[in-house]
Amino acid sequence: WLFILEGIPTVLIGLALPFVMVDYPEVAPWLNGQERTYSLQRFQADANTEANGSSIDWRQVRTALTDYKTYISVLINFGIVMPSFSLAYLLPTIIQGMGFTALTAQLLTSPIYIFGALVAIANAYHSDRTGERAYHVVVPGLASLIGYLLLVILKGSGLGTP
């Protein structure tokens, strides 16, 4: 049942896309004139790049690989991805270990991700409206960091992980 529940939205979206998606920005009814012009300019810029046969500039590759900011970015990404995927993959197993069935464990983890998706959409919307990016990245990251720190600090206290 779980696969059917998870597959229904995918199938419905897949069936709707041929009627909603358009081939070119010129025929997209949801774009205004300025957005349509911008999209066409982006397509033209991409076409020019491909037509020029752009190749790899090894000096730029060397510059990127010798820049310390590249490695800081990798560490930050690793620090975000590892706990997130660990939690995503292990949470149903942890909940199932508490005595719930596999289906119930999967369903109990769903509200967390629904809430997270809603917060991410609201955060992106607010960031887009205000034009501010840094705080909209840092604040959720700090909230995650605090949550993971609480899991570690409260371990064995009856409030965190067992």
Foldseek 3Di string as FASTA:
>chain_A
DVCCVVCVVVVVCVVCVVVQDDDALVPRPVDDPVRNVVRVVVVVVVVVCVVVVDDDDVVVVVVLVPDVVNVVVVVVVCVVPVVVVVCVVCQLVLVVVVVDDSVVSVVVCVVVVVVVVVVLVVLVVVCVVVVDDPCSVVVVVVVVVVVVVCQVVCVPVVPHDD
